[in-house]
Every structure is written in C-alpha cells, then in structure tokens.
Amino acid sequence: MNSAYLYEYAALLERVFSVAHASRYADAAVERAISYSPFFQSIEGNRKAPIFEERALLKAVFPELDVLPEDVPVYNQCLWAAEAYLRIQAEIGLTFEAIFLYFPLREMYDCFPLYHEMDFSQIVGEFKKAFQEKSVLDLLFTKYRYSVKEVSLETGIPYQTLFSLKRRRRAIGKVGAASVIALARVFHVRVETITESKVGNL
C-alpha cells in the first residue's frame, strides 16, 4: 500500500465499514466485497489508488444498498478497524482477503476496547504472530472443515505434499501453477491469497 495516502484510504474504508454496520450487512459479505473490489485491490499494490468520492465507492462495493454516506454516523470501532487493517496491509503486504482470514471483521471490532488507546504497532504485532503460527492454507482447511485427504482427492495434489504446504514445510508457490489454481478454486480465494504473495513492498 502507498502509505502516503493512509489517512485518505482509512477514511474511505471507515465509510464502507460504518455503512455496512449501520445496514447490518453480514461481516463475511463485507470482507468479500472489499477483497474483490478493484479499488481495494489497487491499494494492495504499492501504487496510488484513485481517491473515490464516497458515494461512488459505496455504490461500487455495495451496489444493492441505497444508503447515503452522510446519513451514517462514524462508528469508532469502524474508524479504528479501518486504519488497523490498512497498517497491517502496508507492513505485511498480503491481500485483504488473507488478512481477514487471520483477523475477521468481528474479531477486529472486538479488539477495539483493548487496543484503541495503544499504538497501532501493537495490533500489527499481533497479526505478525498469528501469521507466523499458521499458514493461510491451514486457516482455510479449518474454515471449510476439509480434511487433507478430501482436498488431495479434489485437486490431485499428493497427500504428503498438501500436508507439507499446510504446515509451510514446503513453499506453496513451488508446486506448479495448476496445483495453486486448483487449491484457490477449492477454497474460493484469490491465487495471491493462497500463495501468501506480498502484493505490496515490504
């Protein structure tokens, strides 16, 4: 992420979170909308994303909602979470989709009472610890409740290879494009997410 625009991006992400919160939009749907939004994907790369007008961004992210951003208050937990996610992305360089797997929106909101008076380096540090403990692939197995055997049969990737990838004993980017794409399809995620690709400059 281009950190020079951190506060501009945080203000826009806050509007997305606050409108979703006010509209009782499902957290998983918010996470997916952000992860697959061209605007937020451009933020993931270390290039300047266009600064959208709030209404245009909300319409792009939530085309089915008819809410004016100026009619929605700023929720403190949404404002804090927006900056926290952007700081994590800027420092770690993963996709938002990967970040949400480690720190889902509801859990990030729950962190607000404890962390909001601390420096953001604390929440970034907590993310780093979580990322070191488990791979994205490991989290996806837990989320979907798939066994290694099931995914092995579905993708054609040998059981031992898949187990090694899950535990990061083998780099997922070295198993071949066809296998990576097959895994991304099984778990319904972007290739950059499942390979833990750094989409920004560290």
N, C-alpha and C. Protein backbone atom coordinates (compact mmCIF):
# COMPACT_ATOMS: atom_id res chain seq x y z
N MET A 1 0.83 -1.19 0.00
CA MET A 1 0.00 0.00 0.00
C MET A 1 0.87 1.24 0.00
N ASN A 2 0.45 2.25 -0.72
CA ASN A 2 1.15 3.53 -0.72
C ASN A 2 0.79 4.26 0.56
N SER A 3 1.69 4.20 1.57
CA SER A 3 1.37 4.72 2.91
C SER A 3 1.18 6.23 2.94
N ALA A 4 1.58 6.93 1.89
CA ALA A 4 1.37 8.38 1.84
C ALA A 4 -0.11 8.73 1.84
N TYR A 5 -0.94 7.77 1.44
CA TYR A 5 -2.39 8.02 1.36
C TYR A 5 -3.15 7.24 2.43
N LEU A 6 -2.45 6.84 3.50
CA LEU A 6 -3.06 6.03 4.55
C LEU A 6 -4.35 6.65 5.08
N TYR A 7 -4.32 7.93 5.42
CA TYR A 7 -5.49 8.53 6.06
C TYR A 7 -6.65 8.72 5.09
N GLU A 8 -6.34 9.00 3.83
CA GLU A 8 -7.40 9.09 2.82
C GLU A 8 -8.07 7.73 2.63
N TYR A 9 -7.24 6.68 2.54
CA TYR A 9 -7.79 5.33 2.38
C TYR A 9 -8.56 4.90 3.62
N ALA A 10 -8.04 5.24 4.80
CA ALA A 10 -8.71 4.87 6.05
C ALA A 10 -10.09 5.51 6.15
N ALA A 11 -10.19 6.77 5.71
CA ALA A 11 -11.48 7.46 5.75
C ALA A 11 -12.49 6.76 4.85
N LEU A 12 -12.03 6.30 3.69
CA LEU A 12 -12.94 5.59 2.77
C LEU A 12 -13.31 4.21 3.29
N LEU A 13 -12.33 3.50 3.84
CA LEU A 13 -12.63 2.17 4.38
C LEU A 13 -13.56 2.28 5.59
N GLU A 14 -13.38 3.33 6.38
CA GLU A 14 -14.30 3.56 7.51
C GLU A 14 -15.72 3.72 7.03
N ARG A 15 -15.92 4.46 5.93
CA ARG A 15 -17.27 4.64 5.40
C ARG A 15 -17.87 3.30 4.98
N VAL A 16 -17.05 2.46 4.37
CA VAL A 16 -17.52 1.13 3.97
C VAL A 16 -17.94 0.34 5.21
N PHE A 17 -17.09 0.33 6.23
CA PHE A 17 -17.39 -0.40 7.46
C PHE A 17 -18.63 0.17 8.17
N SER A 18 -18.68 1.49 8.28
CA SER A 18 -19.79 2.11 9.02
C SER A 18 -21.12 1.91 8.31
N VAL A 19 -21.14 2.06 6.99
CA VAL A 19 -22.38 1.83 6.24
C VAL A 19 -22.81 0.37 6.37
N ALA A 20 -21.85 -0.55 6.27
CA ALA A 20 -22.18 -1.97 6.42
C ALA A 20 -22.71 -2.26 7.82
N HIS A 21 -22.08 -1.64 8.82
CA HIS A 21 -22.51 -1.83 10.21
C HIS A 21 -23.92 -1.29 10.42
N ALA A 22 -24.18 -0.10 9.92
CA ALA A 22 -25.50 0.52 10.07
C ALA A 22 -26.56 -0.26 9.32
N SER A 23 -26.18 -0.88 8.21
CA SER A 23 -27.13 -1.63 7.38
C SER A 23 -27.26 -3.09 7.82
N ARG A 24 -26.52 -3.46 8.88
CA ARG A 24 -26.50 -4.85 9.37
C ARG A 24 -26.07 -5.83 8.27
N TYR A 25 -25.12 -5.40 7.48
CA TYR A 25 -24.57 -6.21 6.40
C TYR A 25 -23.72 -7.31 7.02
N ALA A 26 -23.82 -8.51 6.52
CA ALA A 26 -23.06 -9.64 7.08
C ALA A 26 -21.57 -9.40 6.97
N ASP A 27 -20.85 -9.67 8.04
CA ASP A 27 -19.41 -9.42 8.07
C ASP A 27 -18.67 -10.15 6.95
N ALA A 28 -19.03 -11.42 6.73
CA ALA A 28 -18.36 -12.21 5.68
C ALA A 28 -18.58 -11.58 4.32
N ALA A 29 -19.77 -11.02 4.09
CA ALA A 29 -20.05 -10.37 2.80
C ALA A 29 -19.26 -9.08 2.66
N VAL A 30 -19.08 -8.35 3.75
CA VAL A 30 -18.27 -7.12 3.72
C VAL A 30 -16.82 -7.47 3.38
N GLU A 31 -16.30 -8.49 4.04
CA GLU A 31 -14.92 -8.91 3.79
C GLU A 31 -14.71 -9.32 2.34
N ARG A 32 -15.65 -10.04 1.79
CA ARG A 32 -15.52 -10.49 0.40
C ARG A 32 -15.65 -9.31 -0.56
N ALA A 33 -16.58 -8.39 -0.28
CA ALA A 33 -16.76 -7.22 -1.15
C ALA A 33 -15.48 -6.39 -1.20
N ILE A 34 -14.84 -6.22 -0.07
CA ILE A 34 -13.58 -5.45 -0.02
C ILE A 34 -12.47 -6.22 -0.74
N SER A 35 -12.37 -7.51 -0.47
CA SER A 35 -11.30 -8.34 -1.06
C SER A 35 -11.34 -8.37 -2.58
N TYR A 36 -12.55 -8.26 -3.16
CA TYR A 36 -12.69 -8.35 -4.61
C TYR A 36 -13.02 -7.02 -5.26
N SER A 37 -12.94 -5.95 -4.49
CA SER A 37 -13.16 -4.61 -5.04
C SER A 37 -11.91 -4.15 -5.79
N PRO A 38 -12.05 -3.72 -7.05
CA PRO A 38 -10.88 -3.20 -7.79
C PRO A 38 -10.18 -2.07 -7.05
N PHE A 39 -10.95 -1.23 -6.35
CA PHE A 39 -10.34 -0.12 -5.60
C PHE A 39 -9.42 -0.64 -4.51
N PHE A 40 -9.90 -1.57 -3.70
CA PHE A 40 -9.08 -2.08 -2.60
C PHE A 40 -7.97 -2.99 -3.09
N GLN A 41 -8.18 -3.67 -4.22
CA GLN A 41 -7.07 -4.44 -4.79
C GLN A 41 -5.96 -3.52 -5.28
N SER A 42 -6.33 -2.34 -5.78
CA SER A 42 -5.29 -1.39 -6.22
C SER A 42 -4.52 -0.84 -5.02
N ILE A 43 -5.18 -0.74 -3.87
CA ILE A 43 -4.49 -0.31 -2.65
C ILE A 43 -3.46 -1.36 -2.23
N GLU A 44 -3.78 -2.64 -2.43
CA GLU A 44 -2.86 -3.71 -2.03
C GLU A 44 -1.51 -3.58 -2.71
N GLY A 45 -1.51 -3.20 -3.97
CA GLY A 45 -0.26 -2.96 -4.67
C GLY A 45 0.32 -1.64 -4.19
N ASN A 46 1.58 -1.44 -4.36
CA ASN A 46 2.19 -0.21 -3.86
C ASN A 46 2.06 0.90 -4.89
N ARG A 47 0.81 1.16 -5.27
CA ARG A 47 0.56 2.23 -6.23
C ARG A 47 -0.61 3.06 -5.73
N LYS A 48 -0.71 4.25 -6.21
CA LYS A 48 -1.75 5.15 -5.73
C LYS A 48 -3.08 4.77 -6.36
N ALA A 49 -4.03 4.40 -5.51
CA ALA A 49 -5.38 4.14 -6.00
C ALA A 49 -6.10 5.47 -6.15
N PRO A 50 -7.00 5.57 -7.09
CA PRO A 50 -7.74 6.83 -7.22
C PRO A 50 -8.55 7.08 -5.96
N ILE A 51 -8.58 8.33 -5.50
CA ILE A 51 -9.38 8.66 -4.32
C ILE A 51 -10.82 8.82 -4.77
N PHE A 52 -11.62 7.83 -4.48
CA PHE A 52 -13.02 7.81 -4.89
C PHE A 52 -13.83 8.83 -4.09
N GLU A 53 -14.86 9.32 -4.69
CA GLU A 53 -15.89 10.04 -3.95
C GLU A 53 -16.66 8.97 -3.17
N GLU A 54 -17.03 9.28 -1.93
CA GLU A 54 -17.61 8.27 -1.04
C GLU A 54 -18.80 7.54 -1.65
N ARG A 55 -19.71 8.29 -2.25
CA ARG A 55 -20.91 7.66 -2.80
C ARG A 55 -20.56 6.68 -3.91
N ALA A 56 -19.61 7.08 -4.76
CA ALA A 56 -19.21 6.21 -5.87
C ALA A 56 -18.58 4.93 -5.36
N LEU A 57 -17.74 5.04 -4.33
CA LEU A 57 -17.09 3.85 -3.77
C LEU A 57 -18.11 2.91 -3.16
N LEU A 58 -19.03 3.47 -2.38
CA LEU A 58 -20.04 2.63 -1.74
C LEU A 58 -20.92 1.94 -2.76
N LYS A 59 -21.24 2.65 -3.84
CA LYS A 59 -22.06 2.05 -4.90
C LYS A 59 -21.31 0.91 -5.57
N ALA A 60 -19.99 1.08 -5.72
CA ALA A 60 -19.17 0.03 -6.34
C ALA A 60 -19.03 -1.19 -5.43
N VAL A 61 -18.89 -0.95 -4.13
CA VAL A 61 -18.70 -2.04 -3.18
C VAL A 61 -20.02 -2.72 -2.82
N PHE A 62 -21.07 -1.90 -2.61
CA PHE A 62 -22.38 -2.41 -2.22
C PHE A 62 -23.44 -1.93 -3.20
N PRO A 63 -23.48 -2.45 -4.42
CA PRO A 63 -24.42 -1.94 -5.43
C PRO A 63 -25.88 -2.10 -5.03
N GLU A 64 -26.17 -3.03 -4.14
CA GLU A 64 -27.56 -3.29 -3.75
C GLU A 64 -28.05 -2.38 -2.62
N LEU A 65 -27.13 -1.65 -1.97
CA LEU A 65 -27.53 -0.76 -0.87
C LEU A 65 -27.83 0.63 -1.40
N ASP A 66 -28.88 1.21 -0.87
CA ASP A 66 -29.25 2.58 -1.25
C ASP A 66 -29.13 3.46 0.00
N VAL A 67 -27.87 3.72 0.37
CA VAL A 67 -27.59 4.47 1.59
C VAL A 67 -26.65 5.62 1.26
N LEU A 68 -26.96 6.78 1.77
CA LEU A 68 -26.08 7.93 1.58
C LEU A 68 -25.05 7.95 2.70
N PRO A 69 -23.77 8.06 2.37
CA PRO A 69 -22.75 8.01 3.43
C PRO A 69 -22.90 9.10 4.47
N GLU A 70 -23.42 10.27 4.06
CA GLU A 70 -23.57 11.36 5.02
C GLU A 70 -24.70 11.11 6.02
N ASP A 71 -25.54 10.12 5.76
CA ASP A 71 -26.62 9.79 6.68
C ASP A 71 -26.20 8.77 7.73
N VAL A 72 -24.97 8.28 7.61
CA VAL A 72 -24.48 7.24 8.52
C VAL A 72 -23.43 7.84 9.45
N PRO A 73 -23.57 7.66 10.76
CA PRO A 73 -22.56 8.20 11.68
C PRO A 73 -21.24 7.45 11.57
N VAL A 74 -20.19 8.04 12.11
CA VAL A 74 -18.90 7.37 12.22
C VAL A 74 -18.94 6.52 13.48
N TYR A 75 -18.74 5.24 13.32
CA TYR A 75 -18.64 4.34 14.47
C TYR A 75 -17.17 4.21 14.82
N ASN A 76 -16.85 4.45 16.09
CA ASN A 76 -15.44 4.48 16.50
C ASN A 76 -14.70 3.19 16.19
N GLN A 77 -15.38 2.05 16.40
CA GLN A 77 -14.71 0.77 16.14
C GLN A 77 -14.45 0.58 14.65
N CYS A 78 -15.31 1.16 13.81
CA CYS A 78 -15.13 1.07 12.36
C CYS A 78 -13.95 1.93 11.92
N LEU A 79 -13.84 3.11 12.49
CA LEU A 79 -12.74 4.01 12.16
C LEU A 79 -11.41 3.40 12.57
N TRP A 80 -11.36 2.85 13.79
CA TRP A 80 -10.13 2.23 14.28
C TRP A 80 -9.77 1.00 13.44
N ALA A 81 -10.77 0.15 13.16
CA ALA A 81 -10.51 -1.07 12.38
C ALA A 81 -10.01 -0.75 10.99
N ALA A 82 -10.55 0.31 10.37
CA ALA A 82 -10.11 0.69 9.02
C ALA A 82 -8.62 1.01 9.01
N GLU A 83 -8.18 1.81 9.97
CA GLU A 83 -6.76 2.15 10.00
C GLU A 83 -5.91 0.94 10.38
N ALA A 84 -6.41 0.11 11.28
CA ALA A 84 -5.65 -1.08 11.69
C ALA A 84 -5.42 -2.01 10.50
N TYR A 85 -6.46 -2.29 9.73
CA TYR A 85 -6.31 -3.17 8.56
C TYR A 85 -5.34 -2.57 7.55
N LEU A 86 -5.43 -1.28 7.32
CA LEU A 86 -4.56 -0.65 6.34
C LEU A 86 -3.10 -0.66 6.79
N ARG A 87 -2.88 -0.47 8.08
CA ARG A 87 -1.50 -0.52 8.59
C ARG A 87 -0.93 -1.93 8.49
N ILE A 88 -1.76 -2.94 8.77
CA ILE A 88 -1.32 -4.33 8.62
C ILE A 88 -0.98 -4.61 7.17
N GLN A 89 -1.86 -4.20 6.26
CA GLN A 89 -1.61 -4.45 4.85
C GLN A 89 -0.35 -3.75 4.36
N ALA A 90 -0.15 -2.51 4.80
CA ALA A 90 1.02 -1.74 4.37
C ALA A 90 2.32 -2.39 4.84
N GLU A 91 2.29 -2.93 6.05
CA GLU A 91 3.53 -3.50 6.60
C GLU A 91 3.77 -4.93 6.16
N ILE A 92 2.71 -5.74 6.07
CA ILE A 92 2.88 -7.15 5.75
C ILE A 92 2.80 -7.42 4.26
N GLY A 93 1.93 -6.69 3.56
CA GLY A 93 1.85 -6.80 2.10
C GLY A 93 0.92 -7.88 1.57
N LEU A 94 0.15 -8.54 2.44
CA LEU A 94 -0.76 -9.58 1.99
C LEU A 94 -2.04 -8.97 1.41
N THR A 95 -2.84 -9.80 0.77
CA THR A 95 -4.14 -9.34 0.29
C THR A 95 -5.06 -9.09 1.49
N PHE A 96 -6.07 -8.24 1.28
CA PHE A 96 -7.06 -8.06 2.33
C PHE A 96 -7.77 -9.37 2.63
N GLU A 97 -7.96 -10.18 1.61
CA GLU A 97 -8.61 -11.48 1.79
C GLU A 97 -7.84 -12.34 2.78
N ALA A 98 -6.53 -12.36 2.67
CA ALA A 98 -5.69 -13.13 3.61
C ALA A 98 -5.76 -12.52 5.00
N ILE A 99 -5.71 -11.21 5.09
CA ILE A 99 -5.74 -10.53 6.38
C ILE A 99 -7.04 -10.83 7.11
N PHE A 100 -8.16 -10.84 6.38
CA PHE A 100 -9.45 -11.14 7.01
C PHE A 100 -9.51 -12.57 7.52
N LEU A 101 -8.77 -13.49 6.92
CA LEU A 101 -8.75 -14.86 7.42
C LEU A 101 -8.13 -14.92 8.82
N TYR A 102 -7.11 -14.12 9.04
CA TYR A 102 -6.46 -14.08 10.36
C TYR A 102 -7.24 -13.24 11.35
N PHE A 103 -7.67 -12.07 10.92
CA PHE A 103 -8.41 -11.14 11.77
C PHE A 103 -9.75 -10.79 11.11
N PRO A 104 -10.75 -11.66 11.25
CA PRO A 104 -12.07 -11.34 10.68
C PRO A 104 -12.60 -10.03 11.28
N LEU A 105 -13.50 -9.42 10.56
CA LEU A 105 -14.01 -8.11 10.94
C LEU A 105 -14.58 -8.10 12.35
N ARG A 106 -15.37 -9.11 12.69
CA ARG A 106 -15.97 -9.14 14.03
C ARG A 106 -14.90 -9.21 15.11
N GLU A 107 -13.85 -9.99 14.89
CA GLU A 107 -12.77 -10.09 15.87
C GLU A 107 -12.00 -8.78 15.97
N MET A 108 -11.84 -8.09 14.84
CA MET A 108 -11.15 -6.80 14.87
C MET A 108 -11.96 -5.79 15.68
N TYR A 109 -13.26 -5.78 15.49
CA TYR A 109 -14.10 -4.89 16.30
C TYR A 109 -13.99 -5.23 17.79
N ASP A 110 -13.91 -6.51 18.09
CA ASP A 110 -13.78 -6.93 19.49
C ASP A 110 -12.45 -6.51 20.10
N CYS A 111 -11.44 -6.29 19.25
CA CYS A 111 -10.13 -5.82 19.73
C CYS A 111 -10.14 -4.33 20.09
N PHE A 112 -11.13 -3.62 19.58
CA PHE A 112 -11.16 -2.16 19.75
C PHE A 112 -11.05 -1.71 21.21
N PRO A 113 -11.85 -2.25 22.15
CA PRO A 113 -11.75 -1.76 23.53
C PRO A 113 -10.35 -1.89 24.13
N LEU A 114 -9.67 -2.97 23.81
CA LEU A 114 -8.34 -3.21 24.37
C LEU A 114 -7.23 -2.44 23.67
N TYR A 115 -7.31 -2.34 22.34
CA TYR A 115 -6.19 -1.83 21.56
C TYR A 115 -6.32 -0.37 21.10
N HIS A 116 -7.50 0.23 21.19
CA HIS A 116 -7.67 1.52 20.53
C HIS A 116 -6.86 2.65 21.14
N GLU A 117 -6.44 2.51 22.40
CA GLU A 117 -5.61 3.55 23.01
C GLU A 117 -4.12 3.24 22.88
N MET A 118 -3.79 2.11 22.28
CA MET A 118 -2.40 1.73 22.06
C MET A 118 -1.94 2.19 20.69
N ASP A 119 -0.64 2.19 20.50
CA ASP A 119 -0.08 2.45 19.18
C ASP A 119 -0.49 1.30 18.25
N PHE A 120 -0.68 1.63 16.97
CA PHE A 120 -1.11 0.60 16.02
C PHE A 120 -0.07 -0.51 15.85
N SER A 121 1.16 -0.26 16.26
CA SER A 121 2.18 -1.30 16.16
C SER A 121 1.81 -2.53 16.98
N GLN A 122 0.99 -2.34 18.01
CA GLN A 122 0.57 -3.47 18.84
C GLN A 122 -0.32 -4.45 18.06
N ILE A 123 -1.30 -3.92 17.35
CA ILE A 123 -2.19 -4.80 16.60
C ILE A 123 -1.47 -5.40 15.40
N VAL A 124 -0.54 -4.63 14.81
CA VAL A 124 0.28 -5.17 13.72
C VAL A 124 1.13 -6.32 14.25
N GLY A 125 1.67 -6.15 15.43
CA GLY A 125 2.48 -7.21 16.05
C GLY A 125 1.68 -8.47 16.33
N GLU A 126 0.42 -8.29 16.77
CA GLU A 126 -0.45 -9.44 17.00
C GLU A 126 -0.73 -10.18 15.69
N PHE A 127 -0.90 -9.41 14.61
CA PHE A 127 -1.11 -10.05 13.32
C PHE A 127 0.12 -10.86 12.91
N LYS A 128 1.29 -10.27 13.07
CA LYS A 128 2.53 -10.96 12.69
C LYS A 128 2.66 -12.30 13.43
N LYS A 129 2.32 -12.30 14.71
CA LYS A 129 2.39 -13.54 15.49
C LYS A 129 1.43 -14.59 14.94
N ALA A 130 0.21 -14.16 14.64
CA ALA A 130 -0.79 -15.08 14.09
C ALA A 130 -0.34 -15.63 12.74
N PHE A 131 0.26 -14.77 11.92
CA PHE A 131 0.72 -15.19 10.59
C PHE A 131 1.87 -16.18 10.69
N GLN A 132 2.73 -16.00 11.67
CA GLN A 132 3.86 -16.92 11.83
C GLN A 132 3.41 -18.28 12.34
N GLU A 133 2.31 -18.31 13.09
CA GLU A 133 1.84 -19.55 13.69
C GLU A 133 1.13 -20.47 12.70
N LYS A 134 0.37 -19.87 11.77
CA LYS A 134 -0.41 -20.69 10.84
C LYS A 134 -0.37 -20.10 9.45
N SER A 135 -0.37 -21.00 8.45
CA SER A 135 -0.43 -20.56 7.06
C SER A 135 -1.86 -20.21 6.66
N VAL A 136 -1.98 -19.47 5.57
CA VAL A 136 -3.30 -19.19 5.02
C VAL A 136 -4.01 -20.51 4.69
N LEU A 137 -3.28 -21.45 4.10
CA LEU A 137 -3.86 -22.74 3.73
C LEU A 137 -4.39 -23.47 4.96
N ASP A 138 -3.65 -23.43 6.05
CA ASP A 138 -4.08 -24.07 7.29
C ASP A 138 -5.39 -23.45 7.78
N LEU A 139 -5.49 -22.12 7.73
CA LEU A 139 -6.72 -21.44 8.15
C LEU A 139 -7.91 -21.82 7.25
N LEU A 140 -7.63 -21.98 5.97
CA LEU A 140 -8.70 -22.34 5.04
C LEU A 140 -9.21 -23.76 5.30
N PHE A 141 -8.32 -24.67 5.63
CA PHE A 141 -8.75 -26.02 5.99
C PHE A 141 -9.68 -25.97 7.21
N THR A 142 -9.33 -25.16 8.18
CA THR A 142 -10.16 -25.03 9.38
C THR A 142 -11.50 -24.38 9.05
N LYS A 143 -11.47 -23.32 8.26
CA LYS A 143 -12.69 -22.60 7.91
C LYS A 143 -13.70 -23.49 7.19
N TYR A 144 -13.22 -24.27 6.22
CA TYR A 144 -14.12 -25.10 5.43
C TYR A 144 -14.31 -26.50 5.99
N ARG A 145 -13.54 -26.82 7.02
CA ARG A 145 -13.63 -28.14 7.66
C ARG A 145 -13.34 -29.27 6.68
N TYR A 146 -12.39 -29.01 5.81
CA TYR A 146 -11.97 -30.04 4.86
C TYR A 146 -10.81 -30.83 5.46
N SER A 147 -10.72 -32.09 5.12
CA SER A 147 -9.56 -32.89 5.50
C SER A 147 -8.52 -32.80 4.39
N VAL A 148 -7.28 -33.11 4.73
CA VAL A 148 -6.21 -33.12 3.74
C VAL A 148 -6.51 -34.16 2.67
N LYS A 149 -7.07 -35.29 3.09
CA LYS A 149 -7.41 -36.34 2.14
C LYS A 149 -8.44 -35.87 1.12
N GLU A 150 -9.48 -35.18 1.59
CA GLU A 150 -10.53 -34.68 0.70
C GLU A 150 -9.97 -33.73 -0.35
N VAL A 151 -9.13 -32.80 0.10
CA VAL A 151 -8.57 -31.81 -0.82
C VAL A 151 -7.57 -32.46 -1.76
N SER A 152 -6.85 -33.44 -1.27
CA SER A 152 -5.92 -34.19 -2.12
C SER A 152 -6.66 -34.87 -3.26
N LEU A 153 -7.77 -35.50 -2.95
CA LEU A 153 -8.58 -36.18 -3.98
C LEU A 153 -9.18 -35.17 -4.96
N GLU A 154 -9.60 -34.02 -4.44
CA GLU A 154 -10.23 -32.99 -5.27
C GLU A 154 -9.25 -32.34 -6.23
N THR A 155 -8.02 -32.12 -5.76
CA THR A 155 -7.05 -31.36 -6.56
C THR A 155 -6.02 -32.23 -7.28
N GLY A 156 -5.86 -33.47 -6.84
CA GLY A 156 -4.82 -34.32 -7.41
C GLY A 156 -3.45 -34.06 -6.82
N ILE A 157 -3.36 -33.20 -5.82
CA ILE A 157 -2.08 -32.93 -5.15
C ILE A 157 -1.84 -34.05 -4.14
N PRO A 158 -0.66 -34.68 -4.18
CA PRO A 158 -0.39 -35.78 -3.24
C PRO A 158 -0.61 -35.36 -1.78
N TYR A 159 -1.09 -36.31 -0.99
CA TYR A 159 -1.41 -36.05 0.42
C TYR A 159 -0.23 -35.43 1.16
N GLN A 160 0.95 -36.05 1.04
CA GLN A 160 2.12 -35.57 1.79
C GLN A 160 2.52 -34.16 1.34
N THR A 161 2.40 -33.89 0.04
CA THR A 161 2.72 -32.55 -0.47
C THR A 161 1.77 -31.53 0.14
N LEU A 162 0.49 -31.87 0.14
CA LEU A 162 -0.53 -30.96 0.67
C LEU A 162 -0.32 -30.72 2.17
N PHE A 163 0.01 -31.77 2.89
CA PHE A 163 0.27 -31.64 4.32
C PHE A 163 1.47 -30.73 4.56
N SER A 164 2.51 -30.87 3.75
CA SER A 164 3.70 -30.02 3.87
C SER A 164 3.39 -28.56 3.54
N LEU A 165 2.53 -28.34 2.57
CA LEU A 165 2.13 -26.97 2.21
C LEU A 165 1.33 -26.33 3.35
N LYS A 166 0.45 -27.11 3.92
CA LYS A 166 -0.39 -26.64 5.02
C LYS A 166 0.46 -26.19 6.20
N ARG A 167 1.53 -26.91 6.48
CA ARG A 167 2.40 -26.61 7.61
C ARG A 167 3.58 -25.70 7.24
N ARG A 168 3.59 -25.22 6.00
CA ARG A 168 4.67 -24.36 5.47
C ARG A 168 6.03 -25.06 5.50
N ARG A 169 6.03 -26.36 5.37
CA ARG A 169 7.29 -27.08 5.26
C ARG A 169 7.77 -27.07 3.81
N ARG A 170 6.85 -26.70 2.94
CA ARG A 170 7.16 -26.57 1.52
C ARG A 170 6.47 -25.31 1.01
N ALA A 171 7.16 -24.53 0.18
CA ALA A 171 6.60 -23.29 -0.34
C ALA A 171 5.50 -23.58 -1.34
N ILE A 172 4.34 -23.00 -1.12
CA ILE A 172 3.20 -23.27 -1.98
C ILE A 172 3.42 -22.77 -3.41
N GLY A 173 4.23 -21.73 -3.56
CA GLY A 173 4.50 -21.19 -4.88
C GLY A 173 5.36 -22.09 -5.75
N LYS A 174 5.87 -23.20 -5.18
CA LYS A 174 6.77 -24.07 -5.93
C LYS A 174 6.12 -25.39 -6.35
N VAL A 175 4.81 -25.49 -6.23
CA VAL A 175 4.16 -26.76 -6.59
C VAL A 175 3.58 -26.75 -8.00
N GLY A 176 3.69 -25.64 -8.68
CA GLY A 176 3.18 -25.56 -10.05
C GLY A 176 1.88 -24.77 -10.10
N ALA A 177 1.72 -24.02 -11.18
CA ALA A 177 0.57 -23.13 -11.32
C ALA A 177 -0.76 -23.87 -11.29
N ALA A 178 -0.82 -25.04 -11.93
CA ALA A 178 -2.08 -25.78 -11.99
C ALA A 178 -2.55 -26.19 -10.59
N SER A 179 -1.60 -26.60 -9.75
CA SER A 179 -1.96 -27.01 -8.38
C SER A 179 -2.41 -25.82 -7.55
N VAL A 180 -1.73 -24.69 -7.71
CA VAL A 180 -2.09 -23.48 -6.96
C VAL A 180 -3.50 -23.02 -7.36
N ILE A 181 -3.77 -23.02 -8.65
CA ILE A 181 -5.09 -22.61 -9.14
C ILE A 181 -6.16 -23.57 -8.63
N ALA A 182 -5.86 -24.86 -8.62
CA ALA A 182 -6.82 -25.85 -8.11
C ALA A 182 -7.14 -25.60 -6.65
N LEU A 183 -6.13 -25.29 -5.86
CA LEU A 183 -6.35 -25.00 -4.43
C LEU A 183 -7.18 -23.73 -4.25
N ALA A 184 -6.85 -22.71 -5.04
CA ALA A 184 -7.60 -21.45 -4.95
C ALA A 184 -9.08 -21.68 -5.28
N ARG A 185 -9.34 -22.55 -6.25
CA ARG A 185 -10.73 -22.84 -6.62
C ARG A 185 -11.46 -23.62 -5.53
N VAL A 186 -10.78 -24.58 -4.94
CA VAL A 186 -11.39 -25.37 -3.88
C VAL A 186 -11.80 -24.50 -2.70
N PHE A 187 -10.92 -23.55 -2.37
CA PHE A 187 -11.18 -22.72 -1.19
C PHE A 187 -11.80 -21.36 -1.53
N HIS A 188 -12.08 -21.12 -2.82
CA HIS A 188 -12.77 -19.90 -3.27
C HIS A 188 -12.01 -18.63 -2.86
N VAL A 189 -10.71 -18.62 -3.10
CA VAL A 189 -9.90 -17.44 -2.80
C VAL A 189 -9.02 -17.09 -4.00
N ARG A 190 -8.46 -15.90 -3.95
CA ARG A 190 -7.55 -15.46 -4.99
C ARG A 190 -6.23 -16.23 -4.90
N VAL A 191 -5.56 -16.39 -6.02
CA VAL A 191 -4.27 -17.09 -6.05
C VAL A 191 -3.27 -16.37 -5.15
N GLU A 192 -3.26 -15.04 -5.18
CA GLU A 192 -2.31 -14.27 -4.35
C GLU A 192 -2.56 -14.51 -2.87
N THR A 193 -3.81 -14.79 -2.51
CA THR A 193 -4.15 -15.04 -1.11
C THR A 193 -3.60 -16.37 -0.67
N ILE A 194 -3.84 -17.41 -1.45
CA ILE A 194 -3.44 -18.76 -1.02
C ILE A 194 -1.93 -18.95 -1.07
N THR A 195 -1.24 -18.21 -1.94
CA THR A 195 0.22 -18.31 -2.01
C THR A 195 0.90 -17.36 -1.04
N GLU A 196 0.12 -16.58 -0.29
CA GLU A 196 0.67 -15.60 0.66
C GLU A 196 1.59 -14.62 -0.06
N SER A 197 1.23 -14.30 -1.28
CA SER A 197 2.07 -13.39 -2.07
C SER A 197 2.06 -12.00 -1.46
N LYS A 198 3.21 -11.38 -1.45
CA LYS A 198 3.33 -10.00 -1.00
C LYS A 198 2.99 -9.09 -2.17
N VAL A 199 1.82 -8.47 -2.11
CA VAL A 199 1.38 -7.65 -3.23
C VAL A 199 1.83 -6.21 -3.11
N GLY A 200 2.41 -5.85 -1.97
CA GLY A 200 2.97 -4.51 -1.80
C GLY A 200 4.44 -4.63 -1.46
N ASN A 201 5.13 -3.50 -1.40
CA ASN A 201 6.54 -3.54 -1.00
C ASN A 201 6.66 -3.56 0.50
N LEU A 202 7.48 -4.47 1.02
CA LEU A 202 7.68 -4.55 2.47
C LEU A 202 8.69 -3.50 2.91
